[in-house]
Amino acid sequence: MQRVAAFLDEIYPPGDTKGRAMKLMEKLSEKYGYKFFRYDSRTAHKALVAPFEIVIARAPLYFAYGYYLSRLRGVPLINDFRDPYMLFYERKFFPTLFLLHRNRGDAISVTMRAYIAEYRLDPAKVFYNPNAAPLEWTKLPDRAPKNQICYVGNVVSRHNNFRLMLTAFGRLVQLHPHLKLVIGGYGSLLPEVQKLAADMGLGGKVQFLGRIAYEDVPRLISESLFGLALNPWLGQKHVEYAACSRPCLGLRGRIDSEDAPWIVTADPTPTDIAEKMAYLVSDENLRSHLGRAGRMEVRRFYNWDTMADLWHAVIQRLVN
């Protein structure tokens, strides 16, 4: 039986990088035949009359709209609660909406367990649905790494800590001048990050690839010694590095609560991150061990097939 869902989120231009939402929807459609009506702030009024069985809302604004829409239409609501605090830092209106409506859904998907206590979510409604990677990536042959470290992801959010990343890498290349940092990604901050690298004297050591096709991401990761992800949440980058048997260096904090064994954590100082990077560069056995552990974890749980199974089970329970 085909399930039809209304999905409330910002709709990005065709050809834009596939985010978590698109990957989940594609996998649910592929495995279980779901059909999704997608609405954003410009088209949300159309959801008042469209035929669907469940509402899925993302971000504080849509938690509010989704709640009233679902009650009006008499269907269940799932709030997909992922990496939410970026909105808290930048806008004051959204937190108020969020605090009013965060627990009013019939189920709440969280990408990190740490959010349950941090944002006082109703544990009876929560199901854990972390970021993931394609299962197929774990079956790709490994490559001999080049003398490079990679960052793969958007160059939009300052929460990715690009200045911290470049400062730490600048200290690393003083000890390992043969290394380079490869940044695969595109976004509004790219010119600023490029200028920052040049101002730091790293122009010849940092390579900017711009937007790269999703199917080319595994090759870039596999050709690197390890990956960087200095954002304070368990994002897709962490898991995608693991799927390709590469460890990821991330920041201490929320990530530690996830028990993700492939992540080498560091304190948020350039010196500590540079020291952790130097340790990984010098210890091939540690890199191999973390890489194997990460790939096994992706095969076991952190893949989009498993995430789609979790969502399907919750939707079936709510709709039935």
Protein backbone atom coordinates (compact mmCIF):
# COMPACT_ATOMS: atom_id res chain seq x y z
CA MET A 1 0.00 0.00 0.00
CA GLN A 2 1.41 3.36 -1.05
CA ARG A 3 1.80 5.92 1.73
CA VAL A 4 1.42 9.61 0.87
CA ALA A 5 3.11 12.24 3.04
CA ALA A 6 3.20 16.03 3.13
CA PHE A 7 6.80 17.14 3.65
CA LEU A 8 7.32 20.67 4.99
CA ASP A 9 10.79 22.07 4.37
CA GLU A 10 12.58 24.61 2.24
CA ILE A 11 12.77 23.47 -1.39
CA TYR A 12 16.18 24.04 -2.92
CA PRO A 13 16.90 24.65 -6.63
CA PRO A 14 17.30 21.65 -8.97
CA GLY A 15 20.88 20.44 -9.06
CA ASP A 16 21.60 21.58 -5.50
CA THR A 17 23.41 19.16 -3.22
CA LYS A 18 21.11 16.44 -1.90
CA GLY A 19 20.52 16.89 1.78
CA ARG A 20 19.30 14.51 4.45
CA ALA A 21 15.64 15.03 3.52
CA MET A 22 16.06 14.13 -0.15
CA LYS A 23 18.09 11.02 0.65
CA LEU A 24 15.48 9.80 3.12
CA MET A 25 12.58 10.48 0.76
CA GLU A 26 14.31 8.74 -2.15
CA LYS A 27 15.06 5.67 -0.03
CA LEU A 28 11.51 5.51 1.36
CA SER A 29 10.14 5.77 -2.16
CA GLU A 30 12.54 3.14 -3.46
CA LYS A 31 12.01 0.59 -0.68
CA TYR A 32 8.38 1.15 0.29
CA GLY A 33 6.74 3.07 -2.54
CA TYR A 34 6.13 6.32 -0.65
CA LYS A 35 4.89 9.40 -2.44
CA PHE A 36 5.77 12.83 -1.06
CA PHE A 37 4.12 16.20 -1.59
CA ARG A 38 6.78 18.80 -0.82
CA TYR A 39 5.84 22.25 0.45
CA ASP A 40 7.82 25.26 1.62
CA SER A 41 6.87 28.70 2.92
CA ARG A 42 5.79 29.78 -0.57
CA THR A 43 3.56 26.79 -1.33
CA ALA A 44 2.42 25.63 2.13
CA HIS A 45 -1.16 26.81 1.49
CA LYS A 46 -1.56 24.02 -1.10
CA ALA A 47 -1.26 21.46 1.70
CA LEU A 48 -4.69 22.52 2.96
CA VAL A 49 -6.40 20.54 0.20
CA ALA A 50 -3.85 17.93 -1.01
CA PRO A 51 -4.50 14.24 -0.24
CA PHE A 52 -2.01 12.79 2.27
CA GLU A 53 -1.93 10.55 5.35
CA ILE A 54 0.82 12.12 7.46
CA VAL A 55 2.71 15.40 7.85
CA ILE A 56 6.50 15.54 8.28
CA ALA A 57 7.83 18.91 9.43
CA ARG A 58 11.41 20.17 9.61
CA ALA A 59 12.72 23.33 11.34
CA PRO A 60 10.87 25.43 13.94
CA LEU A 61 8.69 27.39 11.52
CA TYR A 62 7.33 24.17 10.02
CA PHE A 63 6.86 22.54 13.44
CA ALA A 64 4.30 25.28 14.12
CA TYR A 65 2.60 25.16 10.72
CA GLY A 66 2.77 21.37 10.62
CA TYR A 67 1.02 21.06 13.98
CA TYR A 68 -2.00 23.13 12.95
CA LEU A 69 -2.10 21.56 9.49
CA SER A 70 -2.08 18.03 10.91
CA ARG A 71 -4.80 18.84 13.45
CA LEU A 72 -6.93 20.51 10.78
CA ARG A 73 -6.56 17.55 8.43
CA GLY A 74 -6.84 14.91 11.16
CA VAL A 75 -3.54 13.16 10.34
CA PRO A 76 -0.41 12.38 12.42
CA LEU A 77 2.63 14.68 12.57
CA ILE A 78 6.34 13.82 12.77
CA ASN A 79 8.78 16.60 13.69
CA ASP A 80 12.17 15.85 12.12
CA PHE A 81 14.49 17.45 14.65
CA ARG A 82 17.98 17.77 13.12
CA ASP A 83 20.89 20.10 13.80
CA PRO A 84 18.43 22.71 15.06
CA TYR A 85 20.52 25.10 17.06
CA MET A 86 21.87 26.97 13.99
CA LEU A 87 18.53 28.76 13.93
CA PHE A 88 18.87 29.59 17.61
CA TYR A 89 22.10 31.45 17.08
CA GLU A 90 20.86 33.53 14.17
CA ARG A 91 17.16 34.28 14.60
CA LYS A 92 15.10 35.09 17.69
CA PHE A 93 11.63 34.49 16.28
CA PHE A 94 12.16 30.81 15.44
CA PRO A 95 13.17 29.67 18.95
CA THR A 96 9.86 30.92 20.33
CA LEU A 97 7.92 28.95 17.74
CA PHE A 98 10.10 25.93 18.39
CA LEU A 99 9.69 26.00 22.17
CA LEU A 100 5.91 26.18 21.76
CA HIS A 101 5.58 23.35 19.26
CA ARG A 102 8.57 21.04 19.58
CA ASN A 103 6.67 18.36 21.54
CA ARG A 104 3.29 18.68 19.86
CA GLY A 105 4.04 16.20 17.11
CA ASP A 106 2.94 12.57 17.42
CA ALA A 107 6.57 11.47 16.97
CA ILE A 108 9.92 13.26 16.99
CA SER A 109 12.92 12.17 14.94
CA VAL A 110 16.29 13.20 16.40
CA THR A 111 19.66 13.04 14.66
CA MET A 112 21.49 13.10 18.01
CA ARG A 113 20.49 11.63 21.37
CA ALA A 114 21.99 14.66 23.09
CA TYR A 115 19.11 16.82 21.81
CA ILE A 116 16.53 14.97 23.94
CA ALA A 117 17.77 16.44 27.22
CA GLU A 118 19.23 19.61 25.74
CA TYR A 119 15.94 20.76 24.22
CA ARG A 120 13.61 19.00 26.69
CA LEU A 121 12.01 16.75 24.11
CA ASP A 122 9.36 14.22 25.13
CA PRO A 123 11.33 10.94 25.31
CA ALA A 124 8.14 8.90 24.80
CA LYS A 125 7.77 10.42 21.31
CA VAL A 126 11.41 10.35 20.23
CA PHE A 127 12.98 7.91 17.80
CA TYR A 128 16.70 8.04 17.04
CA ASN A 129 17.37 8.67 13.36
CA PRO A 130 20.95 9.91 12.89
CA ASN A 131 22.60 11.10 9.73
CA ALA A 132 23.77 8.30 7.51
CA ALA A 133 25.63 7.31 4.34
CA PRO A 134 24.77 5.13 1.34
CA LEU A 135 25.25 1.45 2.11
CA GLU A 136 26.74 1.03 -1.37
CA TRP A 137 29.74 3.17 -0.41
CA THR A 138 30.85 0.53 2.11
CA LYS A 139 31.26 -1.95 -0.76
CA LEU A 140 33.53 0.23 -2.89
CA PRO A 141 37.19 -0.84 -3.16
CA ASP A 142 39.62 1.10 -1.01
CA ARG A 143 42.22 3.39 -2.60
CA ALA A 144 45.77 4.20 -1.66
CA PRO A 145 45.53 7.63 -0.01
CA LYS A 146 47.42 10.65 -1.26
CA ASN A 147 49.18 13.10 1.04
CA GLN A 148 46.02 15.03 1.64
CA ILE A 149 43.26 15.65 4.18
CA CYS A 150 39.77 16.48 3.01
CA TYR A 151 36.71 18.46 3.96
CA VAL A 152 33.57 17.53 2.02
CA GLY A 153 30.38 19.52 2.49
CA ASN A 154 28.75 22.89 2.04
CA VAL A 155 30.63 26.14 2.48
CA VAL A 156 27.63 28.03 3.81
CA SER A 157 27.49 27.76 7.59
CA ARG A 158 30.03 29.34 9.92
CA HIS A 159 29.29 26.47 12.30
CA ASN A 160 31.67 24.41 10.16
CA ASN A 161 34.48 26.49 11.72
CA PHE A 162 36.54 27.16 8.59
CA ARG A 163 38.86 29.63 10.32
CA LEU A 164 39.59 27.06 13.02
CA MET A 165 40.17 24.41 10.35
CA LEU A 166 42.61 26.55 8.37
CA THR A 167 44.46 27.77 11.45
CA ALA A 168 44.97 24.20 12.69
CA PHE A 169 46.01 23.00 9.24
CA GLY A 170 48.52 25.87 9.00
CA ARG A 171 50.19 24.59 12.16
CA LEU A 172 50.11 21.02 10.86
CA VAL A 173 51.96 21.81 7.62
CA GLN A 174 54.79 23.34 9.60
CA LEU A 175 55.50 19.76 10.73
CA HIS A 176 54.32 18.01 7.55
CA PRO A 177 54.95 20.36 4.63
CA HIS A 178 54.11 17.64 2.09
CA LEU A 179 50.40 17.66 3.05
CA LYS A 180 47.56 19.56 1.42
CA LEU A 181 43.98 20.23 2.45
CA VAL A 182 41.34 19.56 -0.20
CA ILE A 183 37.99 21.30 0.24
CA GLY A 184 35.17 19.83 -1.83
CA GLY A 185 32.12 22.02 -1.54
CA TYR A 186 30.40 25.18 -2.65
CA GLY A 187 28.46 27.97 -0.96
CA SER A 188 28.18 31.63 -0.09
CA LEU A 189 31.25 31.57 2.20
CA LEU A 190 33.58 30.09 -0.41
CA PRO A 191 35.15 33.42 -1.52
CA GLU A 192 35.70 34.38 2.12
CA VAL A 193 37.32 31.02 2.95
CA GLN A 194 39.53 31.22 -0.16
CA LYS A 195 40.70 34.69 0.85
CA LEU A 196 41.30 33.52 4.40
CA ALA A 197 43.52 30.69 3.17
CA ALA A 198 45.49 33.12 1.01
CA ASP A 199 45.87 35.62 3.86
CA MET A 200 47.23 32.82 6.06
CA GLY A 201 49.84 31.96 3.44
CA LEU A 202 48.17 28.63 2.66
CA GLY A 203 47.25 29.35 -0.93
CA GLY A 204 49.53 26.62 -2.25
CA LYS A 205 48.50 24.11 0.41
CA VAL A 206 44.70 24.33 0.19
CA GLN A 207 42.91 23.15 -2.94
CA PHE A 208 39.33 24.28 -3.54
CA LEU A 209 37.40 21.93 -5.80
CA GLY A 210 34.10 23.80 -5.66
CA ARG A 211 30.89 21.84 -6.10
CA ILE A 212 31.53 18.14 -6.69
CA ALA A 213 29.05 15.54 -7.89
CA TYR A 214 27.70 13.29 -5.15
CA GLU A 215 28.89 10.18 -6.97
CA ASP A 216 32.45 11.57 -6.90
CA VAL A 217 32.48 12.09 -3.11
CA PRO A 218 33.67 8.54 -2.25
CA ARG A 219 36.68 8.89 -4.53
CA LEU A 220 37.75 12.16 -2.90
CA ILE A 221 37.35 10.71 0.59
CA SER A 222 39.18 7.49 -0.26
CA GLU A 223 42.10 9.42 -1.74
CA SER A 224 42.54 11.28 1.58
CA LEU A 225 44.21 10.17 4.81
CA PHE A 226 41.19 11.26 6.84
CA GLY A 227 38.42 13.85 6.88
CA LEU A 228 37.61 16.96 8.89
CA ALA A 229 34.19 17.93 10.23
CA LEU A 230 34.49 20.67 12.84
CA ASN A 231 30.77 21.31 13.26
CA PRO A 232 29.27 20.54 16.69
CA TRP A 233 26.83 17.83 15.58
CA LEU A 234 26.97 14.33 14.11
CA GLY A 235 26.55 15.25 10.46
CA GLN A 236 26.49 13.38 7.18
CA LYS A 237 30.19 14.11 6.63
CA HIS A 238 31.22 12.11 9.69
CA VAL A 239 29.33 9.07 8.49
CA GLU A 240 30.30 9.40 4.84
CA TYR A 241 33.98 9.42 5.77
CA ALA A 242 33.36 6.25 7.78
CA ALA A 243 31.57 4.54 4.88
CA CYS A 244 34.74 5.04 2.84
CA SER A 245 36.97 3.63 5.63
CA ARG A 246 38.39 6.97 6.63
CA PRO A 247 38.38 8.36 10.18
CA CYS A 248 36.97 11.79 10.88
CA LEU A 249 38.39 14.41 13.20
CA GLY A 250 35.56 16.29 14.91
CA LEU A 251 34.95 18.45 17.96
CA ARG A 252 34.23 17.27 21.47
CA GLY A 253 30.77 17.93 22.86
CA ARG A 254 27.51 16.53 21.56
CA ILE A 255 29.31 14.06 19.31
CA ASP A 256 30.85 12.30 22.31
CA SER A 257 27.37 11.34 23.53
CA GLU A 258 26.68 9.40 20.33
CA ASP A 259 29.28 6.68 20.95
CA ALA A 260 30.42 6.91 17.34
CA PRO A 261 33.66 4.89 17.40
CA TRP A 262 35.19 6.17 14.20
CA ILE A 263 35.45 9.81 15.29
CA VAL A 264 38.70 11.13 16.72
CA THR A 265 37.56 14.07 18.84
CA ALA A 266 39.53 17.22 19.55
CA ASP A 267 39.07 20.22 21.77
CA PRO A 268 38.10 23.36 19.81
CA THR A 269 41.54 24.96 19.78
CA PRO A 270 43.86 25.12 16.75
CA THR A 271 46.71 23.58 18.73
CA ASP A 272 44.72 20.57 19.90
CA ILE A 273 43.26 19.94 16.46
CA ALA A 274 46.69 20.26 14.84
CA GLU A 275 48.12 17.77 17.34
CA LYS A 276 45.31 15.28 16.69
CA MET A 277 45.80 15.64 12.93
CA ALA A 278 49.56 15.09 13.29
CA TYR A 279 48.86 11.96 15.32
CA LEU A 280 46.57 10.57 12.61
CA VAL A 281 49.02 11.48 9.84
CA SER A 282 51.82 9.60 11.58
CA ASP A 283 49.89 6.51 12.72
CA GLU A 284 48.73 4.43 9.76
CA ASN A 285 47.61 1.59 12.02
CA LEU A 286 45.28 3.89 13.94
CA ARG A 287 43.81 5.27 10.72
CA SER A 288 43.21 1.74 9.44
CA HIS A 289 41.65 0.62 12.70
CA LEU A 290 39.28 3.59 12.87
CA GLY A 291 38.46 3.24 9.18
CA ARG A 292 37.47 -0.41 9.53
CA ALA A 293 35.42 0.32 12.66
CA GLY A 294 33.60 3.14 10.91
CA ARG A 295 32.77 1.10 7.82
CA MET A 296 31.42 -1.72 10.00
CA GLU A 297 29.21 0.72 11.89
CA VAL A 298 27.80 2.15 8.66
CA ARG A 299 26.99 -1.35 7.46
CA ARG A 300 25.39 -2.20 10.80
CA PHE A 301 23.28 0.91 11.37
CA TYR A 302 24.37 4.31 9.98
CA ASN A 303 23.04 3.85 6.43
CA TRP A 304 20.04 5.25 4.59
CA ASP A 305 18.45 1.79 4.17
CA THR A 306 18.27 1.38 7.95
CA MET A 307 17.06 4.94 8.44
CA ALA A 308 14.27 4.35 5.90
CA ASP A 309 13.28 1.17 7.78
CA LEU A 310 13.05 3.14 11.03
CA TRP A 311 10.90 5.84 9.45
CA HIS A 312 8.64 3.30 7.76
CA ALA A 313 8.01 1.50 11.06
CA VAL A 314 7.10 4.76 12.82
CA ILE A 315 4.85 5.94 9.98
CA GLN A 316 3.07 2.59 9.85
CA ARG A 317 2.42 2.73 13.58
CA LEU A 318 1.07 6.30 13.47
CA VAL A 319 -1.09 5.92 10.38
CA ASN A 320 -2.53 2.56 11.39
